[in-house]
Full PDB file with SEQRES, HELIX, SHEET, SSBOND, CRYST1, ORIGX, SCALE, CONECT and MASTER records, all heavy atoms in Angstrom:
SEQRES   1 A   39  GLY LEU LYS ALA MET LEU HIS LYS PHE GLU LEU ILE TYR          
SEQRES   2 A   39  SER ILE ASP PRO ASP TYR ILE ILE ILE PHE ASP GLN LYS          
SEQRES   3 A   39  MET LYS ASP THR LEU PRO ASN ASN TYR ARG ASN ARG ALA          
HELIX    1 AA1 LEU A    2  ILE A   15  1                                  14    
HELIX    2 AA2 GLN A   25  LYS A   28  1                                   4    
HELIX    3 AA3 ASN A   33  ARG A   38  5                                   6    
CRYST1    1.000    1.000    1.000  90.00  90.00  90.00 P 1           1          
ORIGX1      1.000000  0.000000  0.000000        0.00000                         
ORIGX2      0.000000  1.000000  0.000000        0.00000                         
ORIGX3      0.000000  0.000000  1.000000        0.00000                         
SCALE1      1.000000  0.000000  0.000000        0.00000                         
SCALE2      0.000000  1.000000  0.000000        0.00000                         
SCALE3      0.000000  0.000000  1.000000        0.00000                         
ATOM      1  N   GLY A   1     -18.117   5.378   2.159  1.00  0.00           N  
ATOM      2  CA  GLY A   1     -18.460   6.490   1.381  1.00  0.00           C  
ATOM      3  C   GLY A   1     -17.287   7.273   0.892  1.00  0.00           C  
ATOM      4  O   GLY A   1     -16.179   7.204   1.450  1.00  0.00           O  
ATOM      5  N   LEU A   2     -17.514   8.161  -0.107  1.00  0.00           N  
ATOM      6  CA  LEU A   2     -16.438   8.947  -0.727  1.00  0.00           C  
ATOM      7  C   LEU A   2     -15.886   9.912   0.297  1.00  0.00           C  
ATOM      8  O   LEU A   2     -14.595  10.090   0.364  1.00  0.00           O  
ATOM      9  CB  LEU A   2     -16.987   9.657  -1.942  1.00  0.00           C  
ATOM     10  CG  LEU A   2     -15.988  10.637  -2.611  1.00  0.00           C  
ATOM     11  CD1 LEU A   2     -14.810   9.852  -3.167  1.00  0.00           C  
ATOM     12  CD2 LEU A   2     -16.728  11.349  -3.749  1.00  0.00           C  
ATOM     13  N   LYS A   3     -16.666  10.594   1.092  1.00  0.00           N  
ATOM     14  CA  LYS A   3     -16.222  11.604   2.013  1.00  0.00           C  
ATOM     15  C   LYS A   3     -15.291  10.995   3.116  1.00  0.00           C  
ATOM     16  O   LYS A   3     -14.291  11.564   3.428  1.00  0.00           O  
ATOM     17  CB  LYS A   3     -17.441  12.298   2.751  1.00  0.00           C  
ATOM     18  CG  LYS A   3     -17.121  13.575   3.371  1.00  0.00           C  
ATOM     19  CD  LYS A   3     -18.353  14.275   3.867  1.00  0.00           C  
ATOM     20  CE  LYS A   3     -18.118  15.572   4.639  1.00  0.00           C  
ATOM     21  NZ  LYS A   3     -19.350  16.186   5.233  1.00  0.00           N  
ATOM     22  N   ALA A   4     -15.669   9.783   3.593  1.00  0.00           N  
ATOM     23  CA  ALA A   4     -14.854   9.079   4.525  1.00  0.00           C  
ATOM     24  C   ALA A   4     -13.563   8.667   3.942  1.00  0.00           C  
ATOM     25  O   ALA A   4     -12.469   8.767   4.603  1.00  0.00           O  
ATOM     26  CB  ALA A   4     -15.620   7.846   5.073  1.00  0.00           C  
ATOM     27  N   MET A   5     -13.594   8.177   2.701  1.00  0.00           N  
ATOM     28  CA  MET A   5     -12.374   7.749   2.023  1.00  0.00           C  
ATOM     29  C   MET A   5     -11.406   8.899   1.830  1.00  0.00           C  
ATOM     30  O   MET A   5     -10.163   8.816   2.073  1.00  0.00           O  
ATOM     31  CB  MET A   5     -12.678   7.129   0.695  1.00  0.00           C  
ATOM     32  CG  MET A   5     -11.476   6.620  -0.082  1.00  0.00           C  
ATOM     33  SD  MET A   5     -11.986   5.840  -1.618  1.00  0.00           S  
ATOM     34  CE  MET A   5     -12.536   7.264  -2.574  1.00  0.00           C  
ATOM     35  N   LEU A   6     -11.943  10.074   1.464  1.00  0.00           N  
ATOM     36  CA  LEU A   6     -11.055  11.235   1.243  1.00  0.00           C  
ATOM     37  C   LEU A   6     -10.478  11.728   2.535  1.00  0.00           C  
ATOM     38  O   LEU A   6      -9.336  12.187   2.604  1.00  0.00           O  
ATOM     39  CB  LEU A   6     -11.887  12.369   0.573  1.00  0.00           C  
ATOM     40  CG  LEU A   6     -12.299  12.115  -0.863  1.00  0.00           C  
ATOM     41  CD1 LEU A   6     -13.238  13.236  -1.370  1.00  0.00           C  
ATOM     42  CD2 LEU A   6     -11.143  11.928  -1.791  1.00  0.00           C  
ATOM     43  N   HIS A   7     -11.267  11.606   3.647  1.00  0.00           N  
ATOM     44  CA  HIS A   7     -10.735  11.987   4.970  1.00  0.00           C  
ATOM     45  C   HIS A   7      -9.549  11.084   5.382  1.00  0.00           C  
ATOM     46  O   HIS A   7      -8.518  11.571   5.812  1.00  0.00           O  
ATOM     47  CB  HIS A   7     -11.887  11.825   6.004  1.00  0.00           C  
ATOM     48  CG  HIS A   7     -11.413  11.924   7.410  1.00  0.00           C  
ATOM     49  ND1 HIS A   7     -11.384  10.798   8.285  1.00  0.00           N  
ATOM     50  CD2 HIS A   7     -10.995  12.943   8.149  1.00  0.00           C  
ATOM     51  CE1 HIS A   7     -10.981  11.177   9.466  1.00  0.00           C  
ATOM     52  NE2 HIS A   7     -10.725  12.469   9.438  1.00  0.00           N  
ATOM     53  N   LYS A   8      -9.675   9.760   5.083  1.00  0.00           N  
ATOM     54  CA  LYS A   8      -8.566   8.845   5.415  1.00  0.00           C  
ATOM     55  C   LYS A   8      -7.392   9.075   4.538  1.00  0.00           C  
ATOM     56  O   LYS A   8      -6.252   9.025   4.963  1.00  0.00           O  
ATOM     57  CB  LYS A   8      -9.104   7.418   5.350  1.00  0.00           C  
ATOM     58  CG  LYS A   8     -10.140   7.051   6.348  1.00  0.00           C  
ATOM     59  CD  LYS A   8      -9.680   7.278   7.709  1.00  0.00           C  
ATOM     60  CE  LYS A   8     -10.775   7.001   8.825  1.00  0.00           C  
ATOM     61  NZ  LYS A   8     -11.941   7.905   8.802  1.00  0.00           N  
ATOM     62  N   PHE A   9      -7.662   9.382   3.237  1.00  0.00           N  
ATOM     63  CA  PHE A   9      -6.494   9.682   2.326  1.00  0.00           C  
ATOM     64  C   PHE A   9      -5.740  10.966   2.851  1.00  0.00           C  
ATOM     65  O   PHE A   9      -4.515  11.034   2.810  1.00  0.00           O  
ATOM     66  CB  PHE A   9      -7.046  10.013   0.931  1.00  0.00           C  
ATOM     67  CG  PHE A   9      -7.490   8.768   0.164  1.00  0.00           C  
ATOM     68  CD1 PHE A   9      -7.357   7.519   0.774  1.00  0.00           C  
ATOM     69  CD2 PHE A   9      -7.914   8.863  -1.120  1.00  0.00           C  
ATOM     70  CE1 PHE A   9      -7.756   6.377   0.071  1.00  0.00           C  
ATOM     71  CE2 PHE A   9      -8.286   7.738  -1.839  1.00  0.00           C  
ATOM     72  CZ  PHE A   9      -8.213   6.483  -1.256  1.00  0.00           C  
ATOM     73  N   GLU A  10      -6.468  11.963   3.287  1.00  0.00           N  
ATOM     74  CA  GLU A  10      -5.860  13.175   3.766  1.00  0.00           C  
ATOM     75  C   GLU A  10      -5.022  12.905   5.019  1.00  0.00           C  
ATOM     76  O   GLU A  10      -3.922  13.473   5.219  1.00  0.00           O  
ATOM     77  CB  GLU A  10      -6.905  14.279   4.053  1.00  0.00           C  
ATOM     78  CG  GLU A  10      -6.305  15.614   4.330  1.00  0.00           C  
ATOM     79  CD  GLU A  10      -7.269  16.807   4.243  1.00  0.00           C  
ATOM     80  OE1 GLU A  10      -8.448  16.582   3.935  1.00  0.00           O  
ATOM     81  OE2 GLU A  10      -6.858  17.845   4.619  1.00  0.00           O  
ATOM     82  N   LEU A  11      -5.576  12.001   5.929  1.00  0.00           N  
ATOM     83  CA  LEU A  11      -4.732  11.620   7.061  1.00  0.00           C  
ATOM     84  C   LEU A  11      -3.461  10.958   6.598  1.00  0.00           C  
ATOM     85  O   LEU A  11      -2.447  11.179   7.181  1.00  0.00           O  
ATOM     86  CB  LEU A  11      -5.601  10.629   7.938  1.00  0.00           C  
ATOM     87  CG  LEU A  11      -6.354  11.151   9.154  1.00  0.00           C  
ATOM     88  CD1 LEU A  11      -7.095  10.003   9.806  1.00  0.00           C  
ATOM     89  CD2 LEU A  11      -5.420  11.849  10.122  1.00  0.00           C  
ATOM     90  N   ILE A  12      -3.578  10.057   5.711  1.00  0.00           N  
ATOM     91  CA  ILE A  12      -2.383   9.311   5.178  1.00  0.00           C  
ATOM     92  C   ILE A  12      -1.346  10.263   4.571  1.00  0.00           C  
ATOM     93  O   ILE A  12      -0.193  10.200   4.949  1.00  0.00           O  
ATOM     94  CB  ILE A  12      -2.835   8.276   4.133  1.00  0.00           C  
ATOM     95  CG1 ILE A  12      -3.587   7.116   4.812  1.00  0.00           C  
ATOM     96  CG2 ILE A  12      -1.572   7.653   3.431  1.00  0.00           C  
ATOM     97  CD1 ILE A  12      -4.285   6.149   3.851  1.00  0.00           C  
ATOM     98  N   TYR A  13      -1.790  11.146   3.723  1.00  0.00           N  
ATOM     99  CA  TYR A  13      -0.844  12.078   3.054  1.00  0.00           C  
ATOM    100  C   TYR A  13      -0.254  13.055   4.097  1.00  0.00           C  
ATOM    101  O   TYR A  13       0.929  13.472   3.976  1.00  0.00           O  
ATOM    102  CB  TYR A  13      -1.566  12.842   1.981  1.00  0.00           C  
ATOM    103  CG  TYR A  13      -1.727  12.035   0.685  1.00  0.00           C  
ATOM    104  CD1 TYR A  13      -3.033  11.889   0.152  1.00  0.00           C  
ATOM    105  CD2 TYR A  13      -0.634  11.445   0.050  1.00  0.00           C  
ATOM    106  CE1 TYR A  13      -3.160  11.109  -1.037  1.00  0.00           C  
ATOM    107  CE2 TYR A  13      -0.785  10.663  -1.093  1.00  0.00           C  
ATOM    108  CZ  TYR A  13      -2.049  10.516  -1.634  1.00  0.00           C  
ATOM    109  OH  TYR A  13      -2.249   9.770  -2.777  1.00  0.00           O  
ATOM    110  N   SER A  14      -1.062  13.426   5.100  1.00  0.00           N  
ATOM    111  CA  SER A  14      -0.518  14.451   6.074  1.00  0.00           C  
ATOM    112  C   SER A  14       0.447  13.790   7.027  1.00  0.00           C  
ATOM    113  O   SER A  14       1.495  14.381   7.405  1.00  0.00           O  
ATOM    114  CB  SER A  14      -1.734  14.978   6.918  1.00  0.00           C  
ATOM    115  OG  SER A  14      -2.635  15.700   6.094  1.00  0.00           O  
ATOM    116  N   ILE A  15       0.204  12.505   7.460  1.00  0.00           N  
ATOM    117  CA  ILE A  15       1.094  11.836   8.422  1.00  0.00           C  
ATOM    118  C   ILE A  15       2.289  11.142   7.725  1.00  0.00           C  
ATOM    119  O   ILE A  15       3.306  11.085   8.204  1.00  0.00           O  
ATOM    120  CB  ILE A  15       0.233  10.830   9.206  1.00  0.00           C  
ATOM    121  CG1 ILE A  15      -0.910  11.482  10.017  1.00  0.00           C  
ATOM    122  CG2 ILE A  15       1.153  10.029  10.153  1.00  0.00           C  
ATOM    123  CD1 ILE A  15      -0.461  12.476  11.047  1.00  0.00           C  
ATOM    124  N   ASP A  16       2.004  10.660   6.525  1.00  0.00           N  
ATOM    125  CA  ASP A  16       3.023   9.906   5.761  1.00  0.00           C  
ATOM    126  C   ASP A  16       3.561   8.744   6.595  1.00  0.00           C  
ATOM    127  O   ASP A  16       4.727   8.651   6.866  1.00  0.00           O  
ATOM    128  CB  ASP A  16       4.110  10.781   5.263  1.00  0.00           C  
ATOM    129  CG  ASP A  16       5.019  10.037   4.301  1.00  0.00           C  
ATOM    130  OD1 ASP A  16       4.593   9.184   3.529  1.00  0.00           O  
ATOM    131  OD2 ASP A  16       6.205  10.440   4.241  1.00  0.00           O  
ATOM    132  N   PRO A  17       2.696   7.772   7.028  1.00  0.00           N  
ATOM    133  CA  PRO A  17       3.078   6.700   7.924  1.00  0.00           C  
ATOM    134  C   PRO A  17       4.033   5.676   7.260  1.00  0.00           C  
ATOM    135  O   PRO A  17       4.014   5.546   5.998  1.00  0.00           O  
ATOM    136  CB  PRO A  17       1.785   6.020   8.326  1.00  0.00           C  
ATOM    137  CG  PRO A  17       0.912   6.261   7.149  1.00  0.00           C  
ATOM    138  CD  PRO A  17       1.247   7.658   6.613  1.00  0.00           C  
ATOM    139  N   ASP A  18       4.857   5.047   8.030  1.00  0.00           N  
ATOM    140  CA  ASP A  18       5.748   3.934   7.503  1.00  0.00           C  
ATOM    141  C   ASP A  18       4.953   2.734   7.304  1.00  0.00           C  
ATOM    142  O   ASP A  18       5.251   1.912   6.402  1.00  0.00           O  
ATOM    143  CB  ASP A  18       6.846   3.676   8.525  1.00  0.00           C  
ATOM    144  CG  ASP A  18       7.752   4.901   8.756  1.00  0.00           C  
ATOM    145  OD1 ASP A  18       8.412   5.293   7.883  1.00  0.00           O  
ATOM    146  OD2 ASP A  18       7.608   5.511   9.874  1.00  0.00           O  
ATOM    147  N   TYR A  19       3.892   2.508   8.091  1.00  0.00           N  
ATOM    148  CA  TYR A  19       3.040   1.312   8.015  1.00  0.00           C  
ATOM    149  C   TYR A  19       1.590   1.722   8.142  1.00  0.00           C  
ATOM    150  O   TYR A  19       1.290   2.642   8.944  1.00  0.00           O  
ATOM    151  CB  TYR A  19       3.372   0.247   9.059  1.00  0.00           C  
ATOM    152  CG  TYR A  19       4.816  -0.111   9.103  1.00  0.00           C  
ATOM    153  CD1 TYR A  19       5.707   0.439  10.075  1.00  0.00           C  
ATOM    154  CD2 TYR A  19       5.373  -1.099   8.211  1.00  0.00           C  
ATOM    155  CE1 TYR A  19       7.022   0.082  10.136  1.00  0.00           C  
ATOM    156  CE2 TYR A  19       6.676  -1.400   8.245  1.00  0.00           C  
ATOM    157  CZ  TYR A  19       7.557  -0.838   9.249  1.00  0.00           C  
ATOM    158  OH  TYR A  19       8.841  -1.163   9.343  1.00  0.00           O  
ATOM    159  N   ILE A  20       0.694   1.069   7.357  1.00  0.00           N  
ATOM    160  CA  ILE A  20      -0.731   1.237   7.526  1.00  0.00           C  
ATOM    161  C   ILE A  20      -1.359  -0.128   7.854  1.00  0.00           C  
ATOM    162  O   ILE A  20      -1.309  -0.966   7.004  1.00  0.00           O  
ATOM    163  CB  ILE A  20      -1.374   1.826   6.205  1.00  0.00           C  
ATOM    164  CG1 ILE A  20      -0.722   3.171   5.867  1.00  0.00           C  
ATOM    165  CG2 ILE A  20      -2.870   2.055   6.427  1.00  0.00           C  
ATOM    166  CD1 ILE A  20      -1.151   3.684   4.500  1.00  0.00           C  
ATOM    167  N   ILE A  21      -1.848  -0.266   8.982  1.00  0.00           N  
ATOM    168  CA  ILE A  21      -2.474  -1.556   9.355  1.00  0.00           C  
ATOM    169  C   ILE A  21      -3.950  -1.490   9.106  1.00  0.00           C  
ATOM    170  O   ILE A  21      -4.679  -0.532   9.462  1.00  0.00           O  
ATOM    171  CB  ILE A  21      -2.240  -1.862  10.864  1.00  0.00           C  
ATOM    172  CG1 ILE A  21      -0.758  -2.156  11.113  1.00  0.00           C  
ATOM    173  CG2 ILE A  21      -3.098  -3.066  11.281  1.00  0.00           C  
ATOM    174  CD1 ILE A  21      -0.422  -2.530  12.543  1.00  0.00           C  
ATOM    175  N   ILE A  22      -4.441  -2.431   8.273  1.00  0.00           N  
ATOM    176  CA  ILE A  22      -5.870  -2.455   7.874  1.00  0.00           C  
ATOM    177  C   ILE A  22      -6.492  -3.817   8.319  1.00  0.00           C  
ATOM    178  O   ILE A  22      -5.807  -4.765   8.483  1.00  0.00           O  
ATOM    179  CB  ILE A  22      -6.010  -2.285   6.350  1.00  0.00           C  
ATOM    180  CG1 ILE A  22      -5.224  -3.379   5.616  1.00  0.00           C  
ATOM    181  CG2 ILE A  22      -5.544  -0.933   5.867  1.00  0.00           C  
ATOM    182  CD1 ILE A  22      -5.446  -3.349   4.114  1.00  0.00           C  
ATOM    183  N   PHE A  23      -7.736  -3.760   8.512  1.00  0.00           N  
ATOM    184  CA  PHE A  23      -8.477  -4.944   8.989  1.00  0.00           C  
ATOM    185  C   PHE A  23      -9.425  -5.515   8.021  1.00  0.00           C  
ATOM    186  O   PHE A  23     -10.246  -6.389   8.363  1.00  0.00           O  
ATOM    187  CB  PHE A  23      -9.192  -4.605  10.339  1.00  0.00           C  
ATOM    188  CG  PHE A  23      -8.223  -4.180  11.466  1.00  0.00           C  
ATOM    189  CD1 PHE A  23      -7.808  -2.914  11.569  1.00  0.00           C  
ATOM    190  CD2 PHE A  23      -7.847  -5.116  12.410  1.00  0.00           C  
ATOM    191  CE1 PHE A  23      -6.884  -2.525  12.560  1.00  0.00           C  
ATOM    192  CE2 PHE A  23      -7.012  -4.752  13.442  1.00  0.00           C  
ATOM    193  CZ  PHE A  23      -6.536  -3.411  13.523  1.00  0.00           C  
ATOM    194  N   ASP A  24      -9.357  -5.021   6.833  1.00  0.00           N  
ATOM    195  CA  ASP A  24     -10.243  -5.455   5.775  1.00  0.00           C  
ATOM    196  C   ASP A  24      -9.425  -5.449   4.504  1.00  0.00           C  
ATOM    197  O   ASP A  24      -8.941  -4.430   4.026  1.00  0.00           O  
ATOM    198  CB  ASP A  24     -11.523  -4.523   5.639  1.00  0.00           C  
ATOM    199  CG  ASP A  24     -12.509  -4.982   4.565  1.00  0.00           C  
ATOM    200  OD1 ASP A  24     -12.093  -5.789   3.688  1.00  0.00           O  
ATOM    201  OD2 ASP A  24     -13.651  -4.530   4.632  1.00  0.00           O  
ATOM    202  N   GLN A  25      -9.266  -6.625   3.876  1.00  0.00           N  
ATOM    203  CA  GLN A  25      -8.407  -6.789   2.773  1.00  0.00           C  
ATOM    204  C   GLN A  25      -8.848  -5.839   1.607  1.00  0.00           C  
ATOM    205  O   GLN A  25      -8.042  -5.318   0.798  1.00  0.00           O  
ATOM    206  CB  GLN A  25      -8.380  -8.239   2.230  1.00  0.00           C  
ATOM    207  CG  GLN A  25      -7.399  -8.505   1.171  1.00  0.00           C  
ATOM    208  CD  GLN A  25      -5.917  -8.296   1.673  1.00  0.00           C  
ATOM    209  OE1 GLN A  25      -5.572  -8.854   2.734  1.00  0.00           O  
ATOM    210  NE2 GLN A  25      -5.124  -7.577   0.938  1.00  0.00           N  
ATOM    211  N   LYS A  26     -10.131  -5.592   1.464  1.00  0.00           N  
ATOM    212  CA  LYS A  26     -10.650  -4.749   0.388  1.00  0.00           C  
ATOM    213  C   LYS A  26     -10.190  -3.340   0.530  1.00  0.00           C  
ATOM    214  O   LYS A  26     -10.006  -2.559  -0.445  1.00  0.00           O  
ATOM    215  CB  LYS A  26     -12.180  -4.765   0.385  1.00  0.00           C  
ATOM    216  CG  LYS A  26     -12.800  -6.137   0.004  1.00  0.00           C  
ATOM    217  CD  LYS A  26     -14.323  -6.087   0.038  1.00  0.00           C  
ATOM    218  CE  LYS A  26     -14.911  -7.453  -0.256  1.00  0.00           C  
ATOM    219  NZ  LYS A  26     -16.455  -7.401  -0.173  1.00  0.00           N  
ATOM    220  N   MET A  27      -9.880  -2.888   1.782  1.00  0.00           N  
ATOM    221  CA  MET A  27      -9.414  -1.527   2.020  1.00  0.00           C  
ATOM    222  C   MET A  27      -8.048  -1.294   1.285  1.00  0.00           C  
ATOM    223  O   MET A  27      -7.802  -0.192   0.933  1.00  0.00           O  
ATOM    224  CB  MET A  27      -9.295  -1.250   3.510  1.00  0.00           C  
ATOM    225  CG  MET A  27     -10.621  -1.028   4.183  1.00  0.00           C  
ATOM    226  SD  MET A  27     -10.311  -0.552   5.949  1.00  0.00           S  
ATOM    227  CE  MET A  27      -9.621   1.049   5.733  1.00  0.00           C  
ATOM    228  N   LYS A  28      -7.228  -2.301   1.273  1.00  0.00           N  
ATOM    229  CA  LYS A  28      -5.939  -2.168   0.646  1.00  0.00           C  
ATOM    230  C   LYS A  28      -6.015  -1.656  -0.809  1.00  0.00           C  
ATOM    231  O   LYS A  28      -5.212  -0.856  -1.300  1.00  0.00           O  
ATOM    232  CB  LYS A  28      -5.171  -3.457   0.714  1.00  0.00           C  
ATOM    233  CG  LYS A  28      -3.722  -3.350   0.178  1.00  0.00           C  
ATOM    234  CD  LYS A  28      -2.991  -4.674   0.410  1.00  0.00           C  
ATOM    235  CE  LYS A  28      -1.514  -4.544  -0.010  1.00  0.00           C  
ATOM    236  NZ  LYS A  28      -0.739  -5.784   0.209  1.00  0.00           N  
ATOM    237  N   ASP A  29      -7.017  -2.198  -1.564  1.00  0.00           N  
ATOM    238  CA  ASP A  29      -7.256  -1.799  -2.942  1.00  0.00           C  
ATOM    239  C   ASP A  29      -7.728  -0.377  -3.101  1.00  0.00           C  
ATOM    240  O   ASP A  29      -7.556   0.260  -4.212  1.00  0.00           O  
ATOM    241  CB  ASP A  29      -8.215  -2.749  -3.594  1.00  0.00           C  
ATOM    242  CG  ASP A  29      -7.729  -4.176  -3.639  1.00  0.00           C  
ATOM    243  OD1 ASP A  29      -6.483  -4.363  -3.665  1.00  0.00           O  
ATOM    244  OD2 ASP A  29      -8.548  -5.090  -3.551  1.00  0.00           O  
ATOM    245  N   THR A  30      -8.185   0.252  -2.026  1.00  0.00           N  
ATOM    246  CA  THR A  30      -8.695   1.631  -2.134  1.00  0.00           C  
ATOM    247  C   THR A  30      -7.609   2.607  -1.661  1.00  0.00           C  
ATOM    248  O   THR A  30      -7.791   3.844  -1.877  1.00  0.00           O  
ATOM    249  CB  THR A  30      -9.929   1.883  -1.244  1.00  0.00           C  
ATOM    250  OG1 THR A  30      -9.540   1.748   0.146  1.00  0.00           O  
ATOM    251  CG2 THR A  30     -10.978   0.851  -1.546  1.00  0.00           C  
ATOM    252  N   LEU A  31      -6.463   2.150  -1.150  1.00  0.00           N  
ATOM    253  CA  LEU A  31      -5.435   3.016  -0.719  1.00  0.00           C  
ATOM    254  C   LEU A  31      -4.762   3.689  -1.972  1.00  0.00           C  
ATOM    255  O   LEU A  31      -4.725   3.111  -3.025  1.00  0.00           O  
ATOM    256  CB  LEU A  31      -4.344   2.259   0.120  1.00  0.00           C  
ATOM    257  CG  LEU A  31      -4.795   1.666   1.450  1.00  0.00           C  
ATOM    258  CD1 LEU A  31      -3.689   0.915   2.054  1.00  0.00           C  
ATOM    259  CD2 LEU A  31      -5.236   2.856   2.414  1.00  0.00           C  
ATOM    260  N   PRO A  32      -4.191   4.870  -1.745  1.00  0.00           N  
ATOM    261  CA  PRO A  32      -3.370   5.500  -2.813  1.00  0.00           C  
ATOM    262  C   PRO A  32      -2.296   4.532  -3.279  1.00  0.00           C  
ATOM    263  O   PRO A  32      -1.671   3.829  -2.428  1.00  0.00           O  
ATOM    264  CB  PRO A  32      -2.830   6.724  -2.161  1.00  0.00           C  
ATOM    265  CG  PRO A  32      -3.805   7.061  -1.021  1.00  0.00           C  
ATOM    266  CD  PRO A  32      -4.270   5.735  -0.538  1.00  0.00           C  
ATOM    267  N   ASN A  33      -2.007   4.383  -4.518  1.00  0.00           N  
ATOM    268  CA  ASN A  33      -1.118   3.474  -5.111  1.00  0.00           C  
ATOM    269  C   ASN A  33       0.256   3.453  -4.368  1.00  0.00           C  
ATOM    270  O   ASN A  33       0.838   2.409  -4.089  1.00  0.00           O  
ATOM    271  CB  ASN A  33      -0.876   3.751  -6.575  1.00  0.00           C  
ATOM    272  CG  ASN A  33      -2.087   3.383  -7.438  1.00  0.00           C  
ATOM    273  OD1 ASN A  33      -2.911   2.578  -7.015  1.00  0.00           O  
ATOM    274  ND2 ASN A  33      -2.279   4.037  -8.543  1.00  0.00           N  
ATOM    275  N   ASN A  34       0.821   4.636  -4.074  1.00  0.00           N  
ATOM    276  CA  ASN A  34       2.127   4.668  -3.499  1.00  0.00           C  
ATOM    277  C   ASN A  34       2.178   4.305  -2.007  1.00  0.00           C  
ATOM    278  O   ASN A  34       3.211   4.345  -1.374  1.00  0.00           O  
ATOM    279  CB  ASN A  34       2.715   6.103  -3.664  1.00  0.00           C  
ATOM    280  CG  ASN A  34       1.789   7.232  -3.138  1.00  0.00           C  
ATOM    281  OD1 ASN A  34       0.570   7.088  -3.259  1.00  0.00           O  
ATOM    282  ND2 ASN A  34       2.406   8.275  -2.657  1.00  0.00           N  
ATOM    283  N   TYR A  35       0.985   3.969  -1.412  1.00  0.00           N  
ATOM    284  CA  TYR A  35       0.972   3.528  -0.029  1.00  0.00           C  
ATOM    285  C   TYR A  35       0.529   2.121   0.127  1.00  0.00           C  
ATOM    286  O   TYR A  35       0.585   1.555   1.220  1.00  0.00           O  
ATOM    287  CB  TYR A  35      -0.014   4.434   0.810  1.00  0.00           C  
ATOM    288  CG  TYR A  35       0.556   5.748   1.139  1.00  0.00           C  
ATOM    289  CD1 TYR A  35       0.357   6.847   0.352  1.00  0.00           C  
ATOM    290  CD2 TYR A  35       1.411   5.879   2.259  1.00  0.00           C  
ATOM    291  CE1 TYR A  35       0.911   8.092   0.675  1.00  0.00           C  
ATOM    292  CE2 TYR A  35       1.989   7.160   2.559  1.00  0.00           C  
ATOM    293  CZ  TYR A  35       1.735   8.210   1.744  1.00  0.00           C  
ATOM    294  OH  TYR A  35       2.260   9.409   2.114  1.00  0.00           O  
ATOM    295  N   ARG A  36       0.195   1.421  -0.946  1.00  0.00           N  
ATOM    296  CA  ARG A  36      -0.293   0.069  -0.827  1.00  0.00           C  
ATOM    297  C   ARG A  36       0.784  -0.904  -0.376  1.00  0.00           C  
ATOM    298  O   ARG A  36       0.516  -1.869   0.306  1.00  0.00           O  
ATOM    299  CB  ARG A  36      -0.871  -0.425  -2.174  1.00  0.00           C  
ATOM    300  CG  ARG A  36      -2.200   0.236  -2.551  1.00  0.00           C  
ATOM    301  CD  ARG A  36      -2.762  -0.189  -3.861  1.00  0.00           C  
ATOM    302  NE  ARG A  36      -3.879   0.674  -4.247  1.00  0.00           N  
ATOM    303  CZ  ARG A  36      -4.506   0.548  -5.394  1.00  0.00           C  
ATOM    304  NH1 ARG A  36      -4.159  -0.419  -6.285  1.00  0.00           N  
ATOM    305  NH2 ARG A  36      -5.535   1.340  -5.681  1.00  0.00           N  
ATOM    306  N   ASN A  37       2.007  -0.611  -0.727  1.00  0.00           N  
ATOM    307  CA  ASN A  37       3.066  -1.496  -0.263  1.00  0.00           C  
ATOM    308  C   ASN A  37       3.433  -1.269   1.268  1.00  0.00           C  
ATOM    309  O   ASN A  37       4.268  -2.007   1.808  1.00  0.00           O  
ATOM    310  CB  ASN A  37       4.375  -1.289  -1.151  1.00  0.00           C  
ATOM    311  CG  ASN A  37       4.916   0.157  -1.039  1.00  0.00           C  
ATOM    312  OD1 ASN A  37       4.261   1.017  -0.596  1.00  0.00           O  
ATOM    313  ND2 ASN A  37       6.160   0.290  -1.431  1.00  0.00           N  
ATOM    314  N   ARG A  38       2.871  -0.285   1.842  1.00  0.00           N  
ATOM    315  CA  ARG A  38       3.034  -0.046   3.287  1.00  0.00           C  
ATOM    316  C   ARG A  38       1.957  -0.647   4.097  1.00  0.00           C  
ATOM    317  O   ARG A  38       1.957  -0.589   5.336  1.00  0.00           O  
ATOM    318  CB  ARG A  38       3.115   1.464   3.579  1.00  0.00           C  
ATOM    319  CG  ARG A  38       4.181   2.235   2.801  1.00  0.00           C  
ATOM    320  CD  ARG A  38       4.330   3.671   3.239  1.00  0.00           C  
ATOM    321  NE  ARG A  38       5.072   4.457   2.293  1.00  0.00           N  
ATOM    322  CZ  ARG A  38       5.341   5.729   2.536  1.00  0.00           C  
ATOM    323  NH1 ARG A  38       5.019   6.290   3.686  1.00  0.00           N  
ATOM    324  NH2 ARG A  38       6.042   6.440   1.595  1.00  0.00           N  
ATOM    325  N   ALA A  39       0.914  -1.264   3.461  1.00  0.00           N  
ATOM    326  CA  ALA A  39      -0.209  -1.750   4.158  1.00  0.00           C  
ATOM    327  C   ALA A  39       0.018  -3.147   4.671  1.00  0.00           C  
ATOM    328  O   ALA A  39       0.620  -3.983   3.975  1.00  0.00           O  
ATOM    329  CB  ALA A  39      -1.447  -1.755   3.254  1.00  0.00           C  
TER     330      ALA A  39                                                      
MASTER        0    0    0    3    0    0    0    6  329    1    0    3          
END                                                                             
């Protein structure tokens, strides 16, 4: 859902991680553009 996605985006922008480990390939396409290369 949209609310969950925005929550995860806010976590990403707040933490600014070096790596984002995902367990669903489709999730990579929903990540903010500037973080997809860290996935």
